[in-house]
Protein backbone atom coordinates (compact mmCIF):
# COMPACT_ATOMS: atom_id res chain seq x y z
CA MET A 1 46.95 36.57 70.98
CA SER A 2 49.51 37.22 73.43
CA LYS A 3 52.81 37.23 73.99
CA ILE A 4 52.91 33.39 75.20
CA ASN A 5 50.11 33.05 72.35
CA ALA A 6 51.09 34.70 69.58
CA ALA A 7 53.10 31.83 68.22
CA PHE A 8 49.29 30.79 66.78
CA ALA A 9 48.25 34.57 66.34
CA ALA A 10 47.82 33.76 62.77
CA ALA A 11 45.25 30.92 63.19
CA LEU A 12 43.48 31.93 66.32
CA ALA A 13 41.07 34.21 64.28
CA SER A 14 38.40 32.31 61.59
CA ALA A 15 38.36 34.25 58.60
CA VAL A 16 36.15 37.54 58.59
CA VAL A 17 33.01 38.19 56.44
CA MET A 18 34.19 40.08 53.63
CA THR A 19 31.82 41.22 50.72
CA ALA A 20 32.01 40.28 47.09
CA ALA A 21 35.26 42.51 46.41
CA PRO A 22 37.76 40.48 45.37
CA ALA A 23 40.34 39.18 47.67
CA LEU A 24 43.57 41.63 48.80
CA ALA A 25 46.24 41.37 46.38
CA ALA A 26 48.94 44.36 47.57
CA GLN A 27 52.18 43.01 46.21
CA CYS A 28 54.27 41.44 49.83
CA ASN A 29 57.92 42.52 49.08
CA HIS A 30 56.37 45.13 46.44
CA LYS A 31 59.14 46.47 44.06
CA GLY A 32 58.13 49.98 45.63
CA GLY A 33 59.43 48.97 49.21
CA PHE A 34 56.82 49.53 52.05
CA ALA A 35 55.88 52.72 51.10
CA GLY A 36 54.92 50.73 47.70
CA PHE A 37 52.84 48.13 49.80
CA ILE A 38 51.07 50.38 51.55
CA GLY A 39 49.90 52.35 48.49
CA ASP A 40 48.81 49.91 46.53
CA PHE A 41 46.96 48.89 49.55
CA LYS A 42 45.16 52.16 50.33
CA LYS A 43 43.63 51.49 47.21
CA GLU A 44 42.17 48.32 48.33
CA ALA A 45 40.89 48.81 51.10
CA ALA A 46 39.21 52.08 49.93
CA ALA A 47 37.32 49.74 47.77
CA LYS A 48 36.23 47.61 50.84
CA GLY A 49 35.07 50.21 52.20
CA VAL A 50 37.70 51.53 54.34
CA LYS A 51 37.05 55.84 54.80
CA GLN A 52 39.45 58.18 55.24
CA ASN A 53 39.53 57.81 59.20
CA GLY A 54 41.37 54.49 59.14
CA LEU A 55 43.09 55.22 55.70
CA ALA A 56 45.15 57.73 57.62
CA ALA A 57 45.98 55.21 60.05
CA LEU A 58 48.45 54.05 57.82
CA ASP A 59 50.31 57.24 56.64
CA GLY A 60 54.10 57.72 57.86
CA LEU A 61 54.19 53.66 58.75
CA THR A 62 57.62 51.92 59.00
CA VAL A 63 58.37 48.57 58.79
CA ASP A 64 58.79 46.84 62.58
CA ASP A 65 61.98 44.60 62.70
CA LYS A 66 60.54 43.61 66.01
CA VAL A 67 57.79 41.67 64.52
CA LEU A 68 59.82 39.92 62.47
CA ALA A 69 62.04 39.05 64.53
CA ALA A 70 58.90 37.70 67.11
CA ASP A 71 57.91 36.24 63.64
CA ARG A 72 60.26 33.86 63.44
CA ASN A 73 61.63 33.33 67.04
CA GLN A 74 58.31 30.85 68.17
CA LYS A 75 59.80 28.30 70.53
CA VAL A 76 57.57 28.24 74.10
CA PHE A 77 55.66 25.44 72.98
CA LYS A 78 58.38 22.50 72.33
CA GLN A 79 57.84 22.72 75.77
CA THR A 80 56.07 19.81 77.12
CA PHE A 81 52.96 20.48 78.39
CA GLU A 82 53.80 19.92 81.92
CA GLU A 83 56.35 22.32 81.80
CA PHE A 84 54.00 24.59 80.30
CA SER A 85 50.90 24.10 82.90
CA GLY A 86 53.60 24.16 85.25
CA ARG A 87 54.63 27.51 84.73
CA MET A 88 51.73 29.04 83.46
CA ILE A 89 49.27 28.29 85.83
CA SER A 90 50.69 30.28 88.94
CA LYS A 91 49.22 30.26 92.12
CA ASP A 92 49.15 34.15 91.63
CA ARG A 93 46.93 33.81 88.66
CA LEU A 94 44.95 31.05 90.30
CA VAL A 95 43.73 33.27 93.46
CA LYS A 96 43.35 36.22 90.91
CA GLY A 97 41.40 34.05 88.79
CA ALA A 98 39.30 32.74 91.92
CA LYS A 99 38.77 36.62 92.72
CA MET A 100 37.48 37.72 89.02
CA LEU A 101 35.25 34.78 89.33
CA GLN A 102 33.25 36.42 92.81
CA THR A 103 33.92 40.22 91.59
CA HIS A 104 32.30 39.84 87.57
CA ALA A 105 29.41 37.03 89.48
CA ASP A 106 26.83 38.52 88.34
CA THR A 107 27.86 38.97 85.02
CA PHE A 108 29.60 35.71 84.27
CA LYS A 109 25.91 34.34 85.31
CA LYS A 110 24.42 36.44 82.91
CA VAL A 111 27.65 35.15 80.00
CA GLU A 112 26.65 31.76 80.77
CA ALA A 113 23.15 31.74 80.41
CA LYS A 114 22.86 33.24 77.02
CA TYR A 115 26.16 31.60 75.80
CA GLY A 116 26.65 28.15 77.48
CA VAL A 117 30.24 28.93 78.37
CA PRO A 118 31.38 28.33 82.04
CA GLY A 119 33.20 31.32 83.94
CA PRO A 120 36.01 28.73 84.93
CA MET A 121 36.79 28.54 81.27
CA ILE A 122 36.20 32.67 80.43
CA VAL A 123 39.19 33.25 83.29
CA ALA A 124 41.39 30.56 82.66
CA ILE A 125 41.93 32.09 79.13
CA TRP A 126 41.63 35.07 80.29
CA GLY A 127 44.65 34.79 83.02
CA LEU A 128 46.99 33.47 80.69
CA GLU A 129 46.28 35.34 77.65
CA THR A 130 47.06 38.67 79.38
CA ASP A 131 47.24 37.67 83.07
CA TYR A 132 43.77 39.54 83.42
CA GLY A 133 44.14 42.73 81.58
CA VAL A 134 48.03 43.44 83.37
CA ASN A 135 49.79 42.30 79.83
CA GLN A 136 47.60 43.90 76.70
CA GLY A 137 51.09 44.65 74.92
CA LYS A 138 52.24 47.97 73.63
CA MET A 139 52.89 47.87 70.32
CA SER A 140 50.64 49.68 67.32
CA VAL A 141 48.11 47.53 66.05
CA VAL A 142 48.43 48.84 62.48
CA ARG A 143 52.15 49.21 62.37
CA SER A 144 52.31 45.47 63.23
CA VAL A 145 49.78 43.75 61.24
CA ALA A 146 51.06 45.96 58.33
CA THR A 147 54.52 45.09 58.58
CA LEU A 148 53.19 41.07 58.54
CA ALA A 149 51.22 41.65 55.66
CA TYR A 150 54.13 43.28 53.85
CA ASP A 151 56.55 40.31 54.89
CA CYS A 152 55.43 37.37 52.14
CA ARG A 153 55.10 34.64 54.86
CA ARG A 154 51.01 34.74 55.43
CA THR A 155 50.60 37.92 53.75
CA ASP A 156 46.98 37.06 52.41
CA LYS A 157 46.31 36.36 56.63
CA PHE A 158 48.05 39.61 57.47
CA GLN A 159 46.06 42.20 54.93
CA GLY A 160 42.34 40.96 55.54
CA GLU A 161 43.79 41.45 59.99
CA LEU A 162 44.63 44.85 58.25
CA VAL A 163 41.22 45.59 56.78
CA ASP A 164 39.62 44.91 59.86
CA ALA A 165 42.34 47.04 62.00
CA LEU A 166 41.18 49.50 60.08
CA ARG A 167 37.66 49.48 60.38
CA ILE A 168 37.67 49.31 64.35
CA ILE A 169 39.65 52.79 63.47
CA ASP A 170 37.34 53.79 60.67
CA ARG A 171 33.52 53.19 62.91
CA GLY A 172 34.67 54.75 66.28
CA ASP A 173 35.31 52.42 68.01
CA MET A 174 39.76 52.87 69.14
CA ALA A 175 41.37 55.75 67.78
CA ALA A 176 44.86 54.44 66.22
CA ALA A 177 46.93 55.84 68.87
CA ASP A 178 45.10 54.04 71.16
CA LEU A 179 44.74 50.69 69.09
CA LYS A 180 47.74 48.97 71.44
CA GLY A 181 48.74 45.06 71.62
CA ASP A 182 51.85 42.39 71.10
CA TRP A 183 53.50 41.69 67.91
CA ALA A 184 51.02 39.70 66.18
CA GLY A 185 48.35 42.81 66.19
CA GLU A 186 46.24 41.06 69.20
CA ILE A 187 43.98 43.66 70.81
CA GLY A 188 42.25 43.47 74.27
CA GLN A 189 42.60 41.78 77.24
CA THR A 190 42.02 38.58 75.77
CA GLN A 191 43.99 39.23 73.06
CA PHE A 192 41.79 39.37 69.89
CA LEU A 193 42.93 40.17 66.58
CA PRO A 194 41.28 42.23 64.30
CA SER A 195 39.46 40.24 62.62
CA SER A 196 37.98 37.96 65.50
CA TYR A 197 37.07 42.10 67.09
CA VAL A 198 35.22 42.59 64.17
CA LYS A 199 32.84 39.28 64.04
CA TYR A 200 32.75 38.44 67.47
CA ALA A 201 33.18 41.71 69.98
CA VAL A 202 30.11 42.28 71.64
CA THR A 203 29.07 44.56 75.35
CA VAL A 204 27.75 42.43 77.53
CA ASP A 205 24.14 44.02 77.22
CA GLY A 206 24.26 44.32 73.18
CA ARG A 207 24.20 47.99 73.56
CA GLY A 208 27.36 51.03 73.07
CA LYS A 209 30.79 50.47 71.49
CA VAL A 210 33.02 47.81 72.63
CA ASP A 211 36.15 48.09 74.84
CA LEU A 212 38.31 45.10 75.20
CA VAL A 213 40.55 47.18 76.80
CA ARG A 214 39.28 48.86 80.08
CA ASN A 215 35.68 47.04 80.09
CA GLN A 216 36.26 43.37 81.51
CA ASP A 217 32.49 43.35 81.49
CA ASP A 218 32.67 43.57 77.86
CA VAL A 219 35.77 41.03 77.49
CA ILE A 220 33.57 38.34 79.19
CA ALA A 221 31.17 38.68 76.41
CA SER A 222 33.08 39.23 73.97
CA THR A 223 35.26 35.64 74.83
CA ALA A 224 32.49 33.57 75.75
CA ASN A 225 30.83 35.06 71.61
CA TYR A 226 34.01 33.67 70.21
CA LEU A 227 33.85 29.98 72.10
CA LYS A 228 29.90 29.86 71.60
CA SER A 229 30.48 31.16 67.83
CA HIS A 230 33.14 27.78 66.94
CA GLY A 231 30.73 25.51 68.48
CA TRP A 232 30.78 25.34 72.55
CA GLN A 233 28.49 23.03 73.88
CA ARG A 234 26.22 23.43 76.88
CA GLY A 235 26.75 21.95 79.82
CA GLN A 236 29.77 19.18 78.22
CA GLY A 237 33.40 18.37 78.94
CA TRP A 238 36.42 20.24 78.06
CA GLY A 239 39.07 18.43 78.09
CA PRO A 240 41.15 16.11 75.43
CA GLY A 241 38.28 14.07 74.05
CA GLN A 242 35.66 15.33 75.11
CA PRO A 243 33.62 17.70 72.81
CA ASN A 244 34.86 21.22 73.98
CA PHE A 245 38.70 20.81 73.51
CA ALA A 246 37.90 21.09 69.96
CA VAL A 247 36.47 24.51 70.53
CA ILE A 248 38.67 25.45 73.10
CA GLN A 249 41.34 24.52 70.35
CA GLU A 250 39.88 27.05 67.81
CA TRP A 251 41.08 29.21 70.88
CA ASN A 252 44.93 28.18 69.71
CA LYS A 253 46.10 24.93 67.84
CA ALA A 254 49.12 24.21 69.95
CA GLU A 255 47.71 20.65 72.31
CA VAL A 256 50.05 21.99 75.06
CA TYR A 257 47.92 25.32 75.37
CA ALA A 258 44.93 24.18 75.08
CA LYS A 259 45.60 21.20 77.47
CA THR A 260 46.33 24.14 80.38
CA ILE A 261 43.62 26.26 79.41
CA ALA A 262 41.76 23.45 79.93
CA LEU A 263 42.97 22.14 83.62
CA PHE A 264 43.10 25.96 84.56
CA ALA A 265 39.83 25.99 84.13
CA ASP A 266 38.97 22.70 86.12
CA LYS A 267 41.54 24.22 89.01
CA LEU A 268 39.40 27.36 89.50
CA GLY A 269 36.51 25.17 89.99
CA GLY A 270 34.97 24.08 86.33
CA SER A 271 31.69 21.96 87.13
CA GLN A 272 32.55 20.08 83.50
CA LYS A 273 35.85 18.26 84.35
CA SER A 274 38.26 17.61 81.69
CA ALA A 275 39.60 13.88 81.30
CA GLN A 276 43.00 15.10 81.73
CA ARG A 277 44.55 13.55 84.89
């Protein structure tokens, strides 16, 4: 997800809903190089229903070596919980988070009524992921996920993400040039991978196109929808050992990150206090 969260990006998004067509099988490290891989991938994506508008986003792509370097250099989660949470839950983020709760109070009320997820939990994720939309990433999502799909480490995972990135373009949600994110292909203010965008992104009122880059109401609703879809239990606690902590770990598998989200939500005034003290 975010720069901090990208180490576990591949584990965060749920499997995308696929048709009965065969799984993607373009050869990673193709004998024809990256161009050969993209050529085969285009045929498979087209067979899965991606139209020309989406397929055109693959034209002229090259491997992004910065993405490969980032994927191989993931050390941030080796910090202790005290070190990590102390750095991530800054006074500035807490002040901004409190303002977000006030500014979007009506939206949080609507979203909690629908999904059961309290505002402080959403704001904690929002603040940790992108500092409330400030640091969404500037890298091409299509190029990033294509690079990771071509690499053999997690090719199946990222071939699926690449198809969904093309679907987002194909259906007109975002143009390829506007589809920017962090190195693992995360999109928007709470950093959805393309598969999560396709499956869980919603507008707050259920109408119109979703915009997770600029529309903060959509960001709030979509984040709550993700958590609800992964088993969030209304009114239950979210600290380690409590029912909703496992849901936070569906957002990020790293225990240090999940515990930091829970503590941040507590500090923002969450009504369900975590067990971590």
